[in-house]
Amino acid sequence: AVLKTFDFRPGAIIDKLDLRRPIYRKTAA
């Protein structure tokens, strides 16, 4: 069920989590 629900390929991860954004400085601490 997990493998059917979540796509762990890099392109799918980037799209699903909308990662091409400047959100990372706040995670660094």
mmCIF file of all heavy atoms, coordinates in Angstrom:
data_MODEL
# 
_entry.id   MODEL 
# 
loop_
_atom_site.group_PDB 
_atom_site.id 
_atom_site.type_symbol 
_atom_site.label_atom_id 
_atom_site.label_alt_id 
_atom_site.label_comp_id 
_atom_site.label_asym_id 
_atom_site.label_entity_id 
_atom_site.label_seq_id 
_atom_site.pdbx_PDB_ins_code 
_atom_site.Cartn_x 
_atom_site.Cartn_y 
_atom_site.Cartn_z 
_atom_site.occupancy 
_atom_site.B_iso_or_equiv 
_atom_site.pdbx_formal_charge 
_atom_site.auth_seq_id 
_atom_site.auth_comp_id 
_atom_site.auth_asym_id 
_atom_site.auth_atom_id 
_atom_site.pdbx_PDB_model_num 
ATOM 1   N N   . ALA A 1 1  ? 0.830  -1.210 0.000   1.00 0.00 ? 1  ALA A N   1 
ATOM 2   C CA  . ALA A 1 1  ? 0.000  0.000  0.000   1.00 0.00 ? 1  ALA A CA  1 
ATOM 3   C C   . ALA A 1 1  ? 0.863  1.258  0.000   1.00 0.00 ? 1  ALA A C   1 
ATOM 4   O O   . ALA A 1 1  ? 0.547  2.248  -0.676  1.00 0.00 ? 1  ALA A O   1 
ATOM 5   C CB  . ALA A 1 1  ? -0.935 0.002  1.207   1.00 0.00 ? 1  ALA A CB  1 
ATOM 6   N N   . VAL A 1 2  ? 1.959  1.234  0.755   1.00 0.00 ? 2  VAL A N   1 
ATOM 7   C CA  . VAL A 1 2  ? 2.864  2.389  0.795   1.00 0.00 ? 2  VAL A CA  1 
ATOM 8   C C   . VAL A 1 2  ? 3.483  2.628  -0.583  1.00 0.00 ? 2  VAL A C   1 
ATOM 9   O O   . VAL A 1 2  ? 3.536  3.759  -1.074  1.00 0.00 ? 2  VAL A O   1 
ATOM 10  C CB  . VAL A 1 2  ? 3.960  2.181  1.864   1.00 0.00 ? 2  VAL A CB  1 
ATOM 11  C CG1 . VAL A 1 2  ? 5.012  3.287  1.769   1.00 0.00 ? 2  VAL A CG1 1 
ATOM 12  C CG2 . VAL A 1 2  ? 3.347  2.162  3.255   1.00 0.00 ? 2  VAL A CG2 1 
ATOM 13  N N   . LEU A 1 3  ? 3.936  1.552  -1.231  1.00 0.00 ? 3  LEU A N   1 
ATOM 14  C CA  . LEU A 1 3  ? 4.555  1.693  -2.551  1.00 0.00 ? 3  LEU A CA  1 
ATOM 15  C C   . LEU A 1 3  ? 3.537  2.128  -3.613  1.00 0.00 ? 3  LEU A C   1 
ATOM 16  O O   . LEU A 1 3  ? 3.898  2.794  -4.590  1.00 0.00 ? 3  LEU A O   1 
ATOM 17  C CB  . LEU A 1 3  ? 5.209  0.372  -2.958  1.00 0.00 ? 3  LEU A CB  1 
ATOM 18  C CG  . LEU A 1 3  ? 6.473  0.004  -2.172  1.00 0.00 ? 3  LEU A CG  1 
ATOM 19  C CD1 . LEU A 1 3  ? 6.959  -1.386 -2.552  1.00 0.00 ? 3  LEU A CD1 1 
ATOM 20  C CD2 . LEU A 1 3  ? 7.573  1.037  -2.399  1.00 0.00 ? 3  LEU A CD2 1 
ATOM 21  N N   . LYS A 1 4  ? 2.277  1.765  -3.413  1.00 0.00 ? 4  LYS A N   1 
ATOM 22  C CA  . LYS A 1 4  ? 1.228  2.190  -4.340  1.00 0.00 ? 4  LYS A CA  1 
ATOM 23  C C   . LYS A 1 4  ? 0.855  3.653  -4.123  1.00 0.00 ? 4  LYS A C   1 
ATOM 24  O O   . LYS A 1 4  ? 0.499  4.371  -5.073  1.00 0.00 ? 4  LYS A O   1 
ATOM 25  C CB  . LYS A 1 4  ? -0.011 1.302  -4.158  1.00 0.00 ? 4  LYS A CB  1 
ATOM 26  C CG  . LYS A 1 4  ? -1.135 1.587  -5.136  1.00 0.00 ? 4  LYS A CG  1 
ATOM 27  C CD  . LYS A 1 4  ? -2.293 0.620  -4.924  1.00 0.00 ? 4  LYS A CD  1 
ATOM 28  C CE  . LYS A 1 4  ? -3.436 0.897  -5.909  1.00 0.00 ? 4  LYS A CE  1 
ATOM 29  N NZ  . LYS A 1 4  ? -4.574 -0.054 -5.698  1.00 0.00 ? 4  LYS A NZ  1 
ATOM 30  N N   . THR A 1 5  ? 0.953  4.119  -2.884  1.00 0.00 ? 5  THR A N   1 
ATOM 31  C CA  . THR A 1 5  ? 0.504  5.465  -2.519  1.00 0.00 ? 5  THR A CA  1 
ATOM 32  C C   . THR A 1 5  ? 1.582  6.521  -2.726  1.00 0.00 ? 5  THR A C   1 
ATOM 33  O O   . THR A 1 5  ? 1.287  7.649  -3.126  1.00 0.00 ? 5  THR A O   1 
ATOM 34  C CB  . THR A 1 5  ? 0.047  5.483  -1.044  1.00 0.00 ? 5  THR A CB  1 
ATOM 35  O OG1 . THR A 1 5  ? -0.949 4.474  -0.850  1.00 0.00 ? 5  THR A OG1 1 
ATOM 36  C CG2 . THR A 1 5  ? -0.524 6.834  -0.661  1.00 0.00 ? 5  THR A CG2 1 
ATOM 37  N N   . PHE A 1 6  ? 2.832  6.155  -2.468  1.00 0.00 ? 6  PHE A N   1 
ATOM 38  C CA  . PHE A 1 6  ? 3.936  7.116  -2.521  1.00 0.00 ? 6  PHE A CA  1 
ATOM 39  C C   . PHE A 1 6  ? 4.898  6.728  -3.642  1.00 0.00 ? 6  PHE A C   1 
ATOM 40  O O   . PHE A 1 6  ? 5.334  5.580  -3.721  1.00 0.00 ? 6  PHE A O   1 
ATOM 41  C CB  . PHE A 1 6  ? 4.684  7.166  -1.195  1.00 0.00 ? 6  PHE A CB  1 
ATOM 42  C CG  . PHE A 1 6  ? 3.840  7.617  -0.033  1.00 0.00 ? 6  PHE A CG  1 
ATOM 43  C CD1 . PHE A 1 6  ? 3.184  6.693  0.766   1.00 0.00 ? 6  PHE A CD1 1 
ATOM 44  C CD2 . PHE A 1 6  ? 3.685  8.968  0.252   1.00 0.00 ? 6  PHE A CD2 1 
ATOM 45  C CE1 . PHE A 1 6  ? 2.404  7.102  1.831   1.00 0.00 ? 6  PHE A CE1 1 
ATOM 46  C CE2 . PHE A 1 6  ? 2.903  9.388  1.315   1.00 0.00 ? 6  PHE A CE2 1 
ATOM 47  C CZ  . PHE A 1 6  ? 2.257  8.453  2.106   1.00 0.00 ? 6  PHE A CZ  1 
ATOM 48  N N   . ASP A 1 7  ? 5.234  7.696  -4.478  1.00 0.00 ? 7  ASP A N   1 
ATOM 49  C CA  . ASP A 1 7  ? 6.168  7.487  -5.574  1.00 0.00 ? 7  ASP A CA  1 
ATOM 50  C C   . ASP A 1 7  ? 7.527  8.015  -5.140  1.00 0.00 ? 7  ASP A C   1 
ATOM 51  O O   . ASP A 1 7  ? 7.701  9.216  -4.926  1.00 0.00 ? 7  ASP A O   1 
ATOM 52  C CB  . ASP A 1 7  ? 5.685  8.220  -6.827  1.00 0.00 ? 7  ASP A CB  1 
ATOM 53  C CG  . ASP A 1 7  ? 6.440  7.817  -8.082  1.00 0.00 ? 7  ASP A CG  1 
ATOM 54  O OD1 . ASP A 1 7  ? 7.603  7.376  -7.954  1.00 0.00 ? 7  ASP A OD1 1 
ATOM 55  O OD2 . ASP A 1 7  ? 5.872  7.955  -9.178  1.00 0.00 ? 7  ASP A OD2 1 
ATOM 56  N N   . PHE A 1 8  ? 8.497  7.126  -4.996  1.00 0.00 ? 8  PHE A N   1 
ATOM 57  C CA  . PHE A 1 8  ? 9.796  7.492  -4.449  1.00 0.00 ? 8  PHE A CA  1 
ATOM 58  C C   . PHE A 1 8  ? 10.838 7.802  -5.520  1.00 0.00 ? 8  PHE A C   1 
ATOM 59  O O   . PHE A 1 8  ? 12.031 7.879  -5.207  1.00 0.00 ? 8  PHE A O   1 
ATOM 60  C CB  . PHE A 1 8  ? 10.303 6.376  -3.526  1.00 0.00 ? 8  PHE A CB  1 
ATOM 61  C CG  . PHE A 1 8  ? 9.469  6.204  -2.280  1.00 0.00 ? 8  PHE A CG  1 
ATOM 62  C CD1 . PHE A 1 8  ? 8.566  5.160  -2.172  1.00 0.00 ? 8  PHE A CD1 1 
ATOM 63  C CD2 . PHE A 1 8  ? 9.578  7.099  -1.233  1.00 0.00 ? 8  PHE A CD2 1 
ATOM 64  C CE1 . PHE A 1 8  ? 7.795  4.993  -1.033  1.00 0.00 ? 8  PHE A CE1 1 
ATOM 65  C CE2 . PHE A 1 8  ? 8.814  6.945  -0.082  1.00 0.00 ? 8  PHE A CE2 1 
ATOM 66  C CZ  . PHE A 1 8  ? 7.911  5.894  0.018   1.00 0.00 ? 8  PHE A CZ  1 
ATOM 67  N N   . ARG A 1 9  ? 10.425 8.003  -6.761  1.00 0.00 ? 9  ARG A N   1 
ATOM 68  C CA  . ARG A 1 9  ? 11.365 8.440  -7.783  1.00 0.00 ? 9  ARG A CA  1 
ATOM 69  C C   . ARG A 1 9  ? 11.666 9.936  -7.587  1.00 0.00 ? 9  ARG A C   1 
ATOM 70  O O   . ARG A 1 9  ? 10.771 10.702 -7.200  1.00 0.00 ? 9  ARG A O   1 
ATOM 71  C CB  . ARG A 1 9  ? 10.792 8.191  -9.173  1.00 0.00 ? 9  ARG A CB  1 
ATOM 72  C CG  . ARG A 1 9  ? 10.684 6.719  -9.540  1.00 0.00 ? 9  ARG A CG  1 
ATOM 73  C CD  . ARG A 1 9  ? 9.970  6.506  -10.851 1.00 0.00 ? 9  ARG A CD  1 
ATOM 74  N NE  . ARG A 1 9  ? 8.562  6.863  -10.768 1.00 0.00 ? 9  ARG A NE  1 
ATOM 75  C CZ  . ARG A 1 9  ? 7.718  6.841  -11.808 1.00 0.00 ? 9  ARG A CZ  1 
ATOM 76  N NH1 . ARG A 1 9  ? 8.169  6.486  -13.009 1.00 0.00 ? 9  ARG A NH1 1 
ATOM 77  N NH2 . ARG A 1 9  ? 6.454  7.174  -11.647 1.00 0.00 ? 9  ARG A NH2 1 
ATOM 78  N N   . PRO A 1 10 ? 12.910 10.358 -7.829  1.00 0.00 ? 10 PRO A N   1 
ATOM 79  C CA  . PRO A 1 10 ? 13.288 11.753 -7.537  1.00 0.00 ? 10 PRO A CA  1 
ATOM 80  C C   . PRO A 1 10 ? 12.366 12.798 -8.162  1.00 0.00 ? 10 PRO A C   1 
ATOM 81  O O   . PRO A 1 10 ? 11.984 13.768 -7.495  1.00 0.00 ? 10 PRO A O   1 
ATOM 82  C CB  . PRO A 1 10 ? 14.708 11.854 -8.103  1.00 0.00 ? 10 PRO A CB  1 
ATOM 83  C CG  . PRO A 1 10 ? 15.232 10.467 -8.043  1.00 0.00 ? 10 PRO A CG  1 
ATOM 84  C CD  . PRO A 1 10 ? 14.058 9.563  -8.298  1.00 0.00 ? 10 PRO A CD  1 
ATOM 85  N N   . GLY A 1 11 ? 11.997 12.619 -9.436  1.00 0.00 ? 11 GLY A N   1 
ATOM 86  C CA  . GLY A 1 11 ? 11.123 13.593 -10.082 1.00 0.00 ? 11 GLY A CA  1 
ATOM 87  C C   . GLY A 1 11 ? 9.762  13.663 -9.427  1.00 0.00 ? 11 GLY A C   1 
ATOM 88  O O   . GLY A 1 11 ? 9.180  14.746 -9.261  1.00 0.00 ? 11 GLY A O   1 
ATOM 89  N N   . ALA A 1 12 ? 9.230  12.507 -9.030  1.00 0.00 ? 12 ALA A N   1 
ATOM 90  C CA  . ALA A 1 12 ? 7.933  12.472 -8.362  1.00 0.00 ? 12 ALA A CA  1 
ATOM 91  C C   . ALA A 1 12 ? 8.003  13.103 -6.977  1.00 0.00 ? 12 ALA A C   1 
ATOM 92  O O   . ALA A 1 12 ? 7.070  13.799 -6.546  1.00 0.00 ? 12 ALA A O   1 
ATOM 93  C CB  . ALA A 1 12 ? 7.445  11.027 -8.269  1.00 0.00 ? 12 ALA A CB  1 
ATOM 94  N N   . ILE A 1 13 ? 9.095  12.846 -6.269  1.00 0.00 ? 13 ILE A N   1 
ATOM 95  C CA  . ILE A 1 13 ? 9.280  13.456 -4.947  1.00 0.00 ? 13 ILE A CA  1 
ATOM 96  C C   . ILE A 1 13 ? 9.300  14.977 -5.061  1.00 0.00 ? 13 ILE A C   1 
ATOM 97  O O   . ILE A 1 13 ? 8.626  15.686 -4.302  1.00 0.00 ? 13 ILE A O   1 
ATOM 98  C CB  . ILE A 1 13 ? 10.587 12.956 -4.299  1.00 0.00 ? 13 ILE A CB  1 
ATOM 99  C CG1 . ILE A 1 13 ? 10.511 11.460 -3.990  1.00 0.00 ? 13 ILE A CG1 1 
ATOM 100 C CG2 . ILE A 1 13 ? 10.890 13.748 -3.024  1.00 0.00 ? 13 ILE A CG2 1 
ATOM 101 C CD1 . ILE A 1 13 ? 11.830 10.851 -3.533  1.00 0.00 ? 13 ILE A CD1 1 
ATOM 102 N N   . ILE A 1 14 ? 10.076 15.480 -6.009  1.00 0.00 ? 14 ILE A N   1 
ATOM 103 C CA  . ILE A 1 14 ? 10.198 16.932 -6.192  1.00 0.00 ? 14 ILE A CA  1 
ATOM 104 C C   . ILE A 1 14 ? 8.843  17.552 -6.485  1.00 0.00 ? 14 ILE A C   1 
ATOM 105 O O   . ILE A 1 14 ? 8.496  18.606 -5.935  1.00 0.00 ? 14 ILE A O   1 
ATOM 106 C CB  . ILE A 1 14 ? 11.206 17.240 -7.322  1.00 0.00 ? 14 ILE A CB  1 
ATOM 107 C CG1 . ILE A 1 14 ? 12.630 16.889 -6.871  1.00 0.00 ? 14 ILE A CG1 1 
ATOM 108 C CG2 . ILE A 1 14 ? 11.128 18.709 -7.741  1.00 0.00 ? 14 ILE A CG2 1 
ATOM 109 C CD1 . ILE A 1 14 ? 13.652 16.886 -7.989  1.00 0.00 ? 14 ILE A CD1 1 
ATOM 110 N N   . ASP A 1 15 ? 8.040  16.905 -7.330  1.00 0.00 ? 15 ASP A N   1 
ATOM 111 C CA  . ASP A 1 15 ? 6.720  17.437 -7.666  1.00 0.00 ? 15 ASP A CA  1 
ATOM 112 C C   . ASP A 1 15 ? 5.752  17.334 -6.496  1.00 0.00 ? 15 ASP A C   1 
ATOM 113 O O   . ASP A 1 15 ? 5.042  18.297 -6.165  1.00 0.00 ? 15 ASP A O   1 
ATOM 114 C CB  . ASP A 1 15 ? 6.151  16.701 -8.877  1.00 0.00 ? 15 ASP A CB  1 
ATOM 115 C CG  . ASP A 1 15 ? 6.668  17.261 -10.193 1.00 0.00 ? 15 ASP A CG  1 
ATOM 116 O OD1 . ASP A 1 15 ? 7.495  18.201 -10.159 1.00 0.00 ? 15 ASP A OD1 1 
ATOM 117 O OD2 . ASP A 1 15 ? 6.249  16.756 -11.251 1.00 0.00 ? 15 ASP A OD2 1 
ATOM 118 N N   . LYS A 1 16 ? 5.695  16.175 -5.863  1.00 0.00 ? 16 LYS A N   1 
ATOM 119 C CA  . LYS A 1 16 ? 4.735  15.953 -4.782  1.00 0.00 ? 16 LYS A CA  1 
ATOM 120 C C   . LYS A 1 16 ? 4.959  16.916 -3.626  1.00 0.00 ? 16 LYS A C   1 
ATOM 121 O O   . LYS A 1 16 ? 4.012  17.477 -3.061  1.00 0.00 ? 16 LYS A O   1 
ATOM 122 C CB  . LYS A 1 16 ? 4.824  14.507 -4.287  1.00 0.00 ? 16 LYS A CB  1 
ATOM 123 C CG  . LYS A 1 16 ? 3.896  14.176 -3.118  1.00 0.00 ? 16 LYS A CG  1 
ATOM 124 C CD  . LYS A 1 16 ? 2.434  14.307 -3.513  1.00 0.00 ? 16 LYS A CD  1 
ATOM 125 C CE  . LYS A 1 16 ? 1.517  13.968 -2.349  1.00 0.00 ? 16 LYS A CE  1 
ATOM 126 N NZ  . LYS A 1 16 ? 0.085  14.168 -2.687  1.00 0.00 ? 16 LYS A NZ  1 
ATOM 127 N N   . LEU A 1 17 ? 6.221  17.116 -3.262  1.00 0.00 ? 17 LEU A N   1 
ATOM 128 C CA  . LEU A 1 17 ? 6.544  17.978 -2.120  1.00 0.00 ? 17 LEU A CA  1 
ATOM 129 C C   . LEU A 1 17 ? 6.887  19.409 -2.529  1.00 0.00 ? 17 LEU A C   1 
ATOM 130 O O   . LEU A 1 17 ? 7.187  20.239 -1.666  1.00 0.00 ? 17 LEU A O   1 
ATOM 131 C CB  . LEU A 1 17 ? 7.704  17.366 -1.323  1.00 0.00 ? 17 LEU A CB  1 
ATOM 132 C CG  . LEU A 1 17 ? 7.449  15.971 -0.732  1.00 0.00 ? 17 LEU A CG  1 
ATOM 133 C CD1 . LEU A 1 17 ? 8.676  15.481 0.027   1.00 0.00 ? 17 LEU A CD1 1 
ATOM 134 C CD2 . LEU A 1 17 ? 6.222  15.970 0.176   1.00 0.00 ? 17 LEU A CD2 1 
ATOM 135 N N   . ASP A 1 18 ? 6.834  19.686 -3.834  1.00 0.00 ? 18 ASP A N   1 
ATOM 136 C CA  . ASP A 1 18 ? 7.098  21.037 -4.341  1.00 0.00 ? 18 ASP A CA  1 
ATOM 137 C C   . ASP A 1 18 ? 8.425  21.564 -3.796  1.00 0.00 ? 18 ASP A C   1 
ATOM 138 O O   . ASP A 1 18 ? 8.497  22.609 -3.133  1.00 0.00 ? 18 ASP A O   1 
ATOM 139 C CB  . ASP A 1 18 ? 5.945  21.970 -3.962  1.00 0.00 ? 18 ASP A CB  1 
ATOM 140 C CG  . ASP A 1 18 ? 5.988  23.299 -4.718  1.00 0.00 ? 18 ASP A CG  1 
ATOM 141 O OD1 . ASP A 1 18 ? 6.735  23.395 -5.712  1.00 0.00 ? 18 ASP A OD1 1 
ATOM 142 O OD2 . ASP A 1 18 ? 5.276  24.232 -4.299  1.00 0.00 ? 18 ASP A OD2 1 
ATOM 143 N N   . LEU A 1 19 ? 9.497  20.854 -4.118  1.00 0.00 ? 19 LEU A N   1 
ATOM 144 C CA  . LEU A 1 19 ? 10.790 21.111 -3.499  1.00 0.00 ? 19 LEU A CA  1 
ATOM 145 C C   . LEU A 1 19 ? 11.665 22.116 -4.239  1.00 0.00 ? 19 LEU A C   1 
ATOM 146 O O   . LEU A 1 19 ? 12.724 22.493 -3.731  1.00 0.00 ? 19 LEU A O   1 
ATOM 147 C CB  . LEU A 1 19 ? 11.562 19.790 -3.352  1.00 0.00 ? 19 LEU A CB  1 
ATOM 148 C CG  . LEU A 1 19 ? 10.938 18.761 -2.404  1.00 0.00 ? 19 LEU A CG  1 
ATOM 149 C CD1 . LEU A 1 19 ? 11.795 17.500 -2.344  1.00 0.00 ? 19 LEU A CD1 1 
ATOM 150 C CD2 . LEU A 1 19 ? 10.733 19.335 -1.007  1.00 0.00 ? 19 LEU A CD2 1 
ATOM 151 N N   . ARG A 1 20 ? 11.268 22.544 -5.425  1.00 0.00 ? 20 ARG A N   1 
ATOM 152 C CA  . ARG A 1 20 ? 12.098 23.518 -6.151  1.00 0.00 ? 20 ARG A CA  1 
ATOM 153 C C   . ARG A 1 20 ? 11.771 24.941 -5.693  1.00 0.00 ? 20 ARG A C   1 
ATOM 154 O O   . ARG A 1 20 ? 11.477 25.834 -6.487  1.00 0.00 ? 20 ARG A O   1 
ATOM 155 C CB  . ARG A 1 20 ? 11.883 23.380 -7.658  1.00 0.00 ? 20 ARG A CB  1 
ATOM 156 C CG  . ARG A 1 20 ? 12.323 22.050 -8.233  1.00 0.00 ? 20 ARG A CG  1 
ATOM 157 C CD  . ARG A 1 20 ? 12.334 22.113 -9.751  1.00 0.00 ? 20 ARG A CD  1 
ATOM 158 N NE  . ARG A 1 20 ? 12.497 20.824 -10.392 1.00 0.00 ? 20 ARG A NE  1 
ATOM 159 C CZ  . ARG A 1 20 ? 13.660 20.225 -10.637 1.00 0.00 ? 20 ARG A CZ  1 
ATOM 160 N NH1 . ARG A 1 20 ? 14.788 20.816 -10.265 1.00 0.00 ? 20 ARG A NH1 1 
ATOM 161 N NH2 . ARG A 1 20 ? 13.704 19.054 -11.248 1.00 0.00 ? 20 ARG A NH2 1 
ATOM 162 N N   . ARG A 1 21 ? 11.823 25.149 -4.399  1.00 0.00 ? 21 ARG A N   1 
ATOM 163 C CA  . ARG A 1 21 ? 11.493 26.444 -3.796  1.00 0.00 ? 21 ARG A CA  1 
ATOM 164 C C   . ARG A 1 21 ? 12.550 26.809 -2.763  1.00 0.00 ? 21 ARG A C   1 
ATOM 165 O O   . ARG A 1 21 ? 13.205 25.935 -2.195  1.00 0.00 ? 21 ARG A O   1 
ATOM 166 C CB  . ARG A 1 21 ? 10.131 26.379 -3.101  1.00 0.00 ? 21 ARG A CB  1 
ATOM 167 C CG  . ARG A 1 21 ? 8.961  26.108 -3.998  1.00 0.00 ? 21 ARG A CG  1 
ATOM 168 C CD  . ARG A 1 21 ? 7.682  26.078 -3.161  1.00 0.00 ? 21 ARG A CD  1 
ATOM 169 N NE  . ARG A 1 21 ? 7.607  24.898 -2.292  1.00 0.00 ? 21 ARG A NE  1 
ATOM 170 C CZ  . ARG A 1 21 ? 7.048  24.885 -1.078  1.00 0.00 ? 21 ARG A CZ  1 
ATOM 171 N NH1 . ARG A 1 21 ? 6.550  26.007 -0.570  1.00 0.00 ? 21 ARG A NH1 1 
ATOM 172 N NH2 . ARG A 1 21 ? 6.998  23.764 -0.376  1.00 0.00 ? 21 ARG A NH2 1 
ATOM 173 N N   . PRO A 1 22 ? 12.679 28.088 -2.454  1.00 0.00 ? 22 PRO A N   1 
ATOM 174 C CA  . PRO A 1 22 ? 13.655 28.510 -1.432  1.00 0.00 ? 22 PRO A CA  1 
ATOM 175 C C   . PRO A 1 22 ? 13.114 28.330 -0.018  1.00 0.00 ? 22 PRO A C   1 
ATOM 176 O O   . PRO A 1 22 ? 12.792 29.294 0.686   1.00 0.00 ? 22 PRO A O   1 
ATOM 177 C CB  . PRO A 1 22 ? 13.876 29.991 -1.771  1.00 0.00 ? 22 PRO A CB  1 
ATOM 178 C CG  . PRO A 1 22 ? 12.587 30.437 -2.378  1.00 0.00 ? 22 PRO A CG  1 
ATOM 179 C CD  . PRO A 1 22 ? 12.082 29.254 -3.160  1.00 0.00 ? 22 PRO A CD  1 
ATOM 180 N N   . ILE A 1 23 ? 13.045 27.085 0.441   1.00 0.00 ? 23 ILE A N   1 
ATOM 181 C CA  . ILE A 1 23 ? 12.468 26.774 1.757   1.00 0.00 ? 23 ILE A CA  1 
ATOM 182 C C   . ILE A 1 23 ? 13.498 26.184 2.720   1.00 0.00 ? 23 ILE A C   1 
ATOM 183 O O   . ILE A 1 23 ? 13.141 25.760 3.831   1.00 0.00 ? 23 ILE A O   1 
ATOM 184 C CB  . ILE A 1 23 ? 11.298 25.772 1.621   1.00 0.00 ? 23 ILE A CB  1 
ATOM 185 C CG1 . ILE A 1 23 ? 11.777 24.464 0.960   1.00 0.00 ? 23 ILE A CG1 1 
ATOM 186 C CG2 . ILE A 1 23 ? 10.149 26.385 0.836   1.00 0.00 ? 23 ILE A CG2 1 
ATOM 187 C CD1 . ILE A 1 23 ? 10.723 23.361 0.935   1.00 0.00 ? 23 ILE A CD1 1 
ATOM 188 N N   . TYR A 1 24 ? 14.758 26.185 2.353   1.00 0.00 ? 24 TYR A N   1 
ATOM 189 C CA  . TYR A 1 24 ? 15.712 25.344 3.064   1.00 0.00 ? 24 TYR A CA  1 
ATOM 190 C C   . TYR A 1 24 ? 16.476 26.035 4.181   1.00 0.00 ? 24 TYR A C   1 
ATOM 191 O O   . TYR A 1 24 ? 16.878 25.377 5.152   1.00 0.00 ? 24 TYR A O   1 
ATOM 192 C CB  . TYR A 1 24 ? 16.674 24.710 2.053   1.00 0.00 ? 24 TYR A CB  1 
ATOM 193 C CG  . TYR A 1 24 ? 15.916 23.855 1.066   1.00 0.00 ? 24 TYR A CG  1 
ATOM 194 C CD1 . TYR A 1 24 ? 15.706 24.286 -0.251  1.00 0.00 ? 24 TYR A CD1 1 
ATOM 195 C CD2 . TYR A 1 24 ? 15.361 22.652 1.450   1.00 0.00 ? 24 TYR A CD2 1 
ATOM 196 C CE1 . TYR A 1 24 ? 14.983 23.513 -1.147  1.00 0.00 ? 24 TYR A CE1 1 
ATOM 197 C CE2 . TYR A 1 24 ? 14.635 21.874 0.567   1.00 0.00 ? 24 TYR A CE2 1 
ATOM 198 C CZ  . TYR A 1 24 ? 14.447 22.308 -0.736  1.00 0.00 ? 24 TYR A CZ  1 
ATOM 199 O OH  . TYR A 1 24 ? 13.718 21.551 -1.610  1.00 0.00 ? 24 TYR A OH  1 
ATOM 200 N N   . ARG A 1 25 ? 16.679 27.332 4.095   1.00 0.00 ? 25 ARG A N   1 
ATOM 201 C CA  . ARG A 1 25 ? 17.423 28.031 5.152   1.00 0.00 ? 25 ARG A CA  1 
ATOM 202 C C   . ARG A 1 25 ? 16.780 27.796 6.521   1.00 0.00 ? 25 ARG A C   1 
ATOM 203 O O   . ARG A 1 25 ? 17.466 27.586 7.532   1.00 0.00 ? 25 ARG A O   1 
ATOM 204 C CB  . ARG A 1 25 ? 17.490 29.523 4.814   1.00 0.00 ? 25 ARG A CB  1 
ATOM 205 C CG  . ARG A 1 25 ? 17.799 30.458 5.975   1.00 0.00 ? 25 ARG A CG  1 
ATOM 206 C CD  . ARG A 1 25 ? 19.243 30.369 6.456   1.00 0.00 ? 25 ARG A CD  1 
ATOM 207 N NE  . ARG A 1 25 ? 19.413 30.976 7.774   1.00 0.00 ? 25 ARG A NE  1 
ATOM 208 C CZ  . ARG A 1 25 ? 19.538 32.278 8.001   1.00 0.00 ? 25 ARG A CZ  1 
ATOM 209 N NH1 . ARG A 1 25 ? 19.525 33.129 6.995   1.00 0.00 ? 25 ARG A NH1 1 
ATOM 210 N NH2 . ARG A 1 25 ? 19.699 32.737 9.228   1.00 0.00 ? 25 ARG A NH2 1 
ATOM 211 N N   . LYS A 1 26 ? 15.454 27.808 6.569   1.00 0.00 ? 26 LYS A N   1 
ATOM 212 C CA  . LYS A 1 26 ? 14.765 27.649 7.855   1.00 0.00 ? 26 LYS A CA  1 
ATOM 213 C C   . LYS A 1 26 ? 14.880 26.244 8.422   1.00 0.00 ? 26 LYS A C   1 
ATOM 214 O O   . LYS A 1 26 ? 14.666 26.037 9.622   1.00 0.00 ? 26 LYS A O   1 
ATOM 215 C CB  . LYS A 1 26 ? 13.295 28.047 7.709   1.00 0.00 ? 26 LYS A CB  1 
ATOM 216 C CG  . LYS A 1 26 ? 13.076 29.533 7.458   1.00 0.00 ? 26 LYS A CG  1 
ATOM 217 C CD  . LYS A 1 26 ? 11.601 29.866 7.330   1.00 0.00 ? 26 LYS A CD  1 
ATOM 218 C CE  . LYS A 1 26 ? 11.379 31.345 7.091   1.00 0.00 ? 26 LYS A CE  1 
ATOM 219 N NZ  . LYS A 1 26 ? 9.937  31.673 6.932   1.00 0.00 ? 26 LYS A NZ  1 
ATOM 220 N N   . THR A 1 27 ? 15.198 25.280 7.570   1.00 0.00 ? 27 THR A N   1 
ATOM 221 C CA  . THR A 1 27 ? 15.350 23.907 8.070   1.00 0.00 ? 27 THR A CA  1 
ATOM 222 C C   . THR A 1 27 ? 16.743 23.664 8.647   1.00 0.00 ? 27 THR A C   1 
ATOM 223 O O   . THR A 1 27 ? 16.966 22.642 9.307   1.00 0.00 ? 27 THR A O   1 
ATOM 224 C CB  . THR A 1 27 ? 15.114 22.872 6.948   1.00 0.00 ? 27 THR A CB  1 
ATOM 225 O OG1 . THR A 1 27 ? 16.189 22.945 5.988   1.00 0.00 ? 27 THR A OG1 1 
ATOM 226 C CG2 . THR A 1 27 ? 13.796 23.102 6.250   1.00 0.00 ? 27 THR A CG2 1 
ATOM 227 N N   . ALA A 1 28 ? 17.669 24.572 8.384   1.00 0.00 ? 28 ALA A N   1 
ATOM 228 C CA  . ALA A 1 28 ? 19.081 24.314 8.662   1.00 0.00 ? 28 ALA A CA  1 
ATOM 229 C C   . ALA A 1 28 ? 19.441 24.393 10.138  1.00 0.00 ? 28 ALA A C   1 
ATOM 230 O O   . ALA A 1 28 ? 20.564 24.075 10.522  1.00 0.00 ? 28 ALA A O   1 
ATOM 231 C CB  . ALA A 1 28 ? 19.963 25.273 7.860   1.00 0.00 ? 28 ALA A CB  1 
ATOM 232 N N   . ALA A 1 29 ? 18.523 24.807 10.991  1.00 0.00 ? 29 ALA A N   1 
ATOM 233 C CA  . ALA A 1 29 ? 18.719 24.756 12.438  1.00 0.00 ? 29 ALA A CA  1 
ATOM 234 C C   . ALA A 1 29 ? 17.428 24.283 13.083  1.00 0.00 ? 29 ALA A C   1 
ATOM 235 O O   . ALA A 1 29 ? 16.341 24.552 12.578  1.00 0.00 ? 29 ALA A O   1 
ATOM 236 C CB  . ALA A 1 29 ? 19.129 26.123 12.988  1.00 0.00 ? 29 ALA A CB  1 
# 
